[in-house]
Each structure stands twice: as structure tokens, then as C-alpha cells.
C-alpha atoms as a PDB file:
ATOM      1  CA  MET A   1     -25.142 -18.036  -8.865  1.00  0.00           C
ATOM      2  CA  ILE A   2     -23.961 -19.610  -5.420  1.00  0.00           C
ATOM      3  CA  GLN A   3     -20.507 -19.606  -6.063  1.00  0.00           C
ATOM      4  CA  LEU A   4     -20.722 -15.520  -7.013  1.00  0.00           C
ATOM      5  CA  LEU A   5     -22.776 -14.529  -3.999  1.00  0.00           C
ATOM      6  CA  VAL A   6     -20.165 -16.195  -1.877  1.00  0.00           C
ATOM      7  CA  GLU A   7     -17.503 -14.356  -4.032  1.00  0.00           C
ATOM      8  CA  LYS A   8     -19.666 -11.082  -2.932  1.00  0.00           C
ATOM      9  CA  ASN A   9     -20.041 -11.942   1.048  1.00  0.00           C
ATOM     10  CA  LYS A  10     -16.934 -12.629   0.618  1.00  0.00           C
ATOM     11  CA  ALA A  11     -15.642  -8.716  -1.544  1.00  0.00           C
ATOM     12  CA  GLU A  12     -17.512  -7.194   1.050  1.00  0.00           C
ATOM     13  CA  LEU A  13     -15.536  -8.443   3.700  1.00  0.00           C
ATOM     14  CA  ILE A  14     -12.093  -7.247   1.856  1.00  0.00           C
ATOM     15  CA  LEU A  15     -13.769  -3.540   1.566  1.00  0.00           C
ATOM     16  CA  GLY A  16     -15.184  -3.945   5.056  1.00  0.00           C
ATOM     17  CA  ARG A  17     -19.287  -2.673   3.347  1.00  0.00           C
ATOM     18  CA  SER A  18     -21.587  -3.839   2.156  1.00  0.00           C
ATOM     19  CA  PHE A  19     -22.199  -2.562  -1.431  1.00  0.00           C
ATOM     20  CA  TYR A  20     -25.209  -4.104  -4.466  1.00  0.00           C
ATOM     21  CA  LEU A  21     -23.465  -3.298  -8.117  1.00  0.00           C
ATOM     22  CA  GLY A  22     -26.451  -5.750  -9.743  1.00  0.00           C
ATOM     23  CA  ASN A  23     -26.958  -7.879 -11.765  1.00  0.00           C
ATOM     24  CA  ALA A  24     -24.852  -6.362 -14.858  1.00  0.00           C
ATOM     25  CA  THR A  25     -21.588  -6.386 -12.893  1.00  0.00           C
ATOM     26  CA  PRO A  26     -18.968  -8.621 -14.247  1.00  0.00           C
ATOM     27  CA  TRP A  27     -18.083 -11.877 -11.863  1.00  0.00           C
ATOM     28  CA  ALA A  28     -14.635 -10.454 -12.588  1.00  0.00           C
ATOM     29  CA  VAL A  29     -14.793  -7.618 -10.054  1.00  0.00           C
ATOM     30  CA  TYR A  30     -15.671  -9.702  -7.317  1.00  0.00           C
ATOM     31  CA  TYR A  31     -13.048 -11.833  -8.243  1.00  0.00           C
ATOM     32  CA  PHE A  32     -10.359  -9.801  -8.499  1.00  0.00           C
ATOM     33  CA  ILE A  33     -11.475  -8.176  -4.903  1.00  0.00           C
ATOM     34  CA  CYS A  34     -10.619 -11.759  -3.608  1.00  0.00           C
ATOM     35  CA  THR A  35      -7.783 -12.878  -5.374  1.00  0.00           C
ATOM     36  CA  GLU A  36      -5.298 -10.304  -6.552  1.00  0.00           C
ATOM     37  CA  LYS A  37      -2.306  -8.342  -3.530  1.00  0.00           C
ATOM     38  CA  THR A  38      -2.988  -5.239  -4.309  1.00  0.00           C
ATOM     39  CA  PHE A  39      -5.930  -5.705  -1.528  1.00  0.00           C
ATOM     40  CA  ASN A  40      -4.711  -5.024   1.845  1.00  0.00           C
ATOM     41  CA  SER A  41      -1.592  -5.363   1.137  1.00  0.00           C
ATOM     42  CA  ASN A  42       1.181  -2.191   0.650  1.00  0.00           C
ATOM     43  CA  LEU A  43       1.281  -0.497  -2.871  1.00  0.00           C
ATOM     44  CA  LEU A  44       4.609   1.410  -2.019  1.00  0.00           C
ATOM     45  CA  LYS A  45       7.844   0.672  -3.643  1.00  0.00           C
ATOM     46  CA  ASN A  46      10.361   0.585  -1.022  1.00  0.00           C
ATOM     47  CA  HIS A  47       9.179   1.442   1.843  1.00  0.00           C
ATOM     48  CA  SER A  48      11.914   0.996   4.094  1.00  0.00           C
ATOM     49  CA  GLY A  49      15.067   1.981   2.009  1.00  0.00           C
ATOM     50  CA  LYS A  50      16.384  -1.251   1.623  1.00  0.00           C
ATOM     51  CA  TYR A  51      17.086   0.106  -1.533  1.00  0.00           C
ATOM     52  CA  ARG A  52      18.321   3.356  -1.199  1.00  0.00           C
ATOM     53  CA  PHE A  53      16.338   5.839  -2.871  1.00  0.00           C
ATOM     54  CA  HIS A  54      14.446   4.002  -5.775  1.00  0.00           C
ATOM     55  CA  ASN A  55      11.058   4.976  -6.936  1.00  0.00           C
ATOM     56  CA  TRP A  56      11.429   8.160  -4.565  1.00  0.00           C
ATOM     57  CA  ILE A  57      11.135  12.037  -5.132  1.00  0.00           C
ATOM     58  CA  PHE A  58      12.568  14.649  -2.527  1.00  0.00           C
ATOM     59  CA  THR A  59      10.517  17.130  -2.771  1.00  0.00           C
ATOM     60  CA  GLU A  60      12.996  18.818   0.435  1.00  0.00           C
ATOM     61  CA  ASN A  61      16.400  17.700   1.064  1.00  0.00           C
ATOM     62  CA  SER A  62      17.377  20.357   3.452  1.00  0.00           C
ATOM     63  CA  GLY A  63      20.262  20.210   6.142  1.00  0.00           C
ATOM     64  CA  SER A  64      21.999  16.780   5.886  1.00  0.00           C
ATOM     65  CA  GLY A  65      19.839  15.748   3.531  1.00  0.00           C
ATOM     66  CA  TRP A  66      17.705  12.162   4.016  1.00  0.00           C
ATOM     67  CA  THR A  67      20.180   9.265   5.203  1.00  0.00           C
ATOM     68  CA  ILE A  68      19.705   5.627   5.893  1.00  0.00           C
ATOM     69  CA  GLU A  69      20.487   3.704   8.876  1.00  0.00           C
ATOM     70  CA  ASN A  70      20.735  -0.135   8.464  1.00  0.00           C
ATOM     71  CA  PRO A  71      20.675  -1.389  11.762  1.00  0.00           C
ATOM     72  CA  PRO A  72      17.898   1.998  12.921  1.00  0.00           C
ATOM     73  CA  ALA A  73      20.560   3.366  15.494  1.00  0.00           C
ATOM     74  CA  GLY A  74      18.689   5.417  18.841  1.00  0.00           C
ATOM     75  CA  THR A  75      15.623   3.245  18.516  1.00  0.00           C
ATOM     76  CA  PRO A  76      15.493  -0.171  20.432  1.00  0.00           C
ATOM     77  CA  THR A  77      15.842  -3.373  18.387  1.00  0.00           C
ATOM     78  CA  LEU A  78      12.903  -3.755  16.222  1.00  0.00           C
ATOM     79  CA  GLU A  79      11.258  -8.021  15.910  1.00  0.00           C
ATOM     80  CA  ALA A  80      12.715  -8.503  12.539  1.00  0.00           C
ATOM     81  CA  ALA A  81       8.729  -9.750  11.941  1.00  0.00           C
ATOM     82  CA  GLU A  82       7.845  -6.413  12.278  1.00  0.00           C
ATOM     83  CA  LEU A  83       9.672  -5.135   9.632  1.00  0.00           C
ATOM     84  CA  ASN A  84       9.590  -8.588   7.235  1.00  0.00           C
ATOM     85  CA  GLY A  85      12.916  -8.864   8.206  1.00  0.00           C
ATOM     86  CA  ALA A  86      14.108  -5.513   7.217  1.00  0.00           C
ATOM     87  CA  GLN A  87      15.744  -3.266  10.021  1.00  0.00           C
ATOM     88  CA  HIS A  88      16.468  -0.404   7.640  1.00  0.00           C
ATOM     89  CA  CYS A  89      14.788   3.053   7.633  1.00  0.00           C
ATOM     90  CA  PHE A  90      14.722   6.631   6.159  1.00  0.00           C
ATOM     91  CA  VAL A  91      16.622   9.423   8.587  1.00  0.00           C
ATOM     92  CA  SER A  92      16.404  12.951   7.592  1.00  0.00           C
ATOM     93  CA  SER A  93      18.434  15.797   9.189  1.00  0.00           C
ATOM     94  CA  ARG A  94      16.597  18.476  11.055  1.00  0.00           C
ATOM     95  CA  ASN A  95      16.067  20.711   8.621  1.00  0.00           C
ATOM     96  CA  LEU A  96      13.287  20.339   6.745  1.00  0.00           C
ATOM     97  CA  CYS A  97      13.200  17.275   4.618  1.00  0.00           C
ATOM     98  CA  SER A  98      10.427  15.671   2.696  1.00  0.00           C
ATOM     99  CA  LYS A  99       9.552  12.986  -0.026  1.00  0.00           C
ATOM    100  CA  ASN A 100       6.975  11.626  -1.651  1.00  0.00           C
ATOM    101  CA  GLN A 101       5.920   8.550  -4.734  1.00  0.00           C
ATOM    102  CA  VAL A 102       3.564   8.657  -6.851  1.00  0.00           C
ATOM    103  CA  VAL A 103       1.401   5.356  -6.924  1.00  0.00           C
ATOM    104  CA  ASP A 104      -0.105   4.693  -9.563  1.00  0.00           C
ATOM    105  CA  LEU A 105      -3.362   2.003  -9.277  1.00  0.00           C
ATOM    106  CA  LEU A 106      -4.291   1.201 -12.821  1.00  0.00           C
ATOM    107  CA  GLN A 107      -1.013  -0.230 -13.403  1.00  0.00           C
ATOM    108  CA  GLU A 108      -1.154  -1.898  -9.804  1.00  0.00           C
ATOM    109  CA  ASP A 109      -3.630  -4.015 -11.331  1.00  0.00           C
ATOM    110  CA  PHE A 110      -6.449  -1.672 -10.248  1.00  0.00           C
ATOM    111  CA  THR A 111      -9.378  -1.354 -13.184  1.00  0.00           C
ATOM    112  CA  ARG A 112     -11.191   1.707 -14.509  1.00  0.00           C
ATOM    113  CA  TYR A 113     -14.211   0.536 -13.147  1.00  0.00           C
ATOM    114  CA  LEU A 114     -13.161  -0.841 -10.158  1.00  0.00           C
ATOM    115  CA  LEU A 115     -11.860   2.502  -8.795  1.00  0.00           C
ATOM    116  CA  ASP A 116     -15.136   4.456 -10.187  1.00  0.00           C
ATOM    117  CA  VAL A 117     -18.092   1.701  -9.386  1.00  0.00           C
ATOM    118  CA  ILE A 118     -16.772   0.074  -6.000  1.00  0.00           C
ATOM    119  CA  GLN A 119     -14.616   2.900  -4.710  1.00  0.00           C
ATOM    120  CA  PRO A 120     -12.405   0.641  -2.504  1.00  0.00           C
ATOM    121  CA  PRO A 121     -11.451   2.270   1.181  1.00  0.00           C
ATOM    122  CA  ILE A 122      -7.570   3.106   0.216  1.00  0.00           C
ATOM    123  CA  GLN A 123      -6.089   3.647   3.770  1.00  0.00           C
ATOM    124  CA  VAL A 124      -2.814   5.495   4.151  1.00  0.00           C
ATOM    125  CA  SER A 125      -0.736   4.445   7.364  1.00  0.00           C
ATOM    126  CA  LEU A 126       2.249   4.762   8.873  1.00  0.00           C
ATOM    127  CA  GLU A 127       2.286   1.089  10.742  1.00  0.00           C
ATOM    128  CA  PRO A 128       4.863  -1.098   8.768  1.00  0.00           C
END
């Protein structure tokens, strides 16, 4: 019982809110929140363009379209730590360019119970 309370407290810190799931909640839910890589991690594949356009779907590719710069041109050199050692970035032309990527949370080891009942916060950010 004490271990479950510790896991619940840790899970609440990770989720950023308190929640009560009752005694019917499997302990594995708390364990998943506290140990899995999917929480507090970037779920986008190839977010910097290091692997060209793998995992990306182009919805608009006007003008000269998308390209990848390595290292990025016209910007101050970024610390390697800021980009996890990668110096790749996507660059678009002046015309309309857009791309997207589908992230299947069930394939990322989330469960329907976790998504429907706990509803973890999902943050979309432009920060690396």
C-alpha cells in the first residue's frame, strides 16, 4: 500500500495534477506513468531532419519546397546540447510549405485506459 502511494505521488508530479482513480486502478498504470519513456519525451520521429524527410507527410510544398540544412545557415551556432548533438533543420521556401506527422499514441505504448481515464497532458512545443 505504501509503495502504491509513493507511485501515485510520483505520477501526480509527472502529470502536473492530482487525481483519484479509486482502488480499482491497476498499479501498472502508476508504474507506467513513472517509468516509461513516453512521458516527458518527444514523440515525433526525425524531428530535426537528420534522416531527410523520413516520417513526414507534405501537405504543401510550393516554390522551391522543403530542404534540410546542416548546419543551419543564417542563424547563430546553437549549442550541441540544445539540439541533442544534431545540427540539422528543416527549411522551407518563401512560398507556402507545410508538413505533418501522425503520432499513434497506442503504438507508443499508451493504453486506452491511460488515455481515456487519466488523460495525460499532451504538450506541443516548438522547443527542441
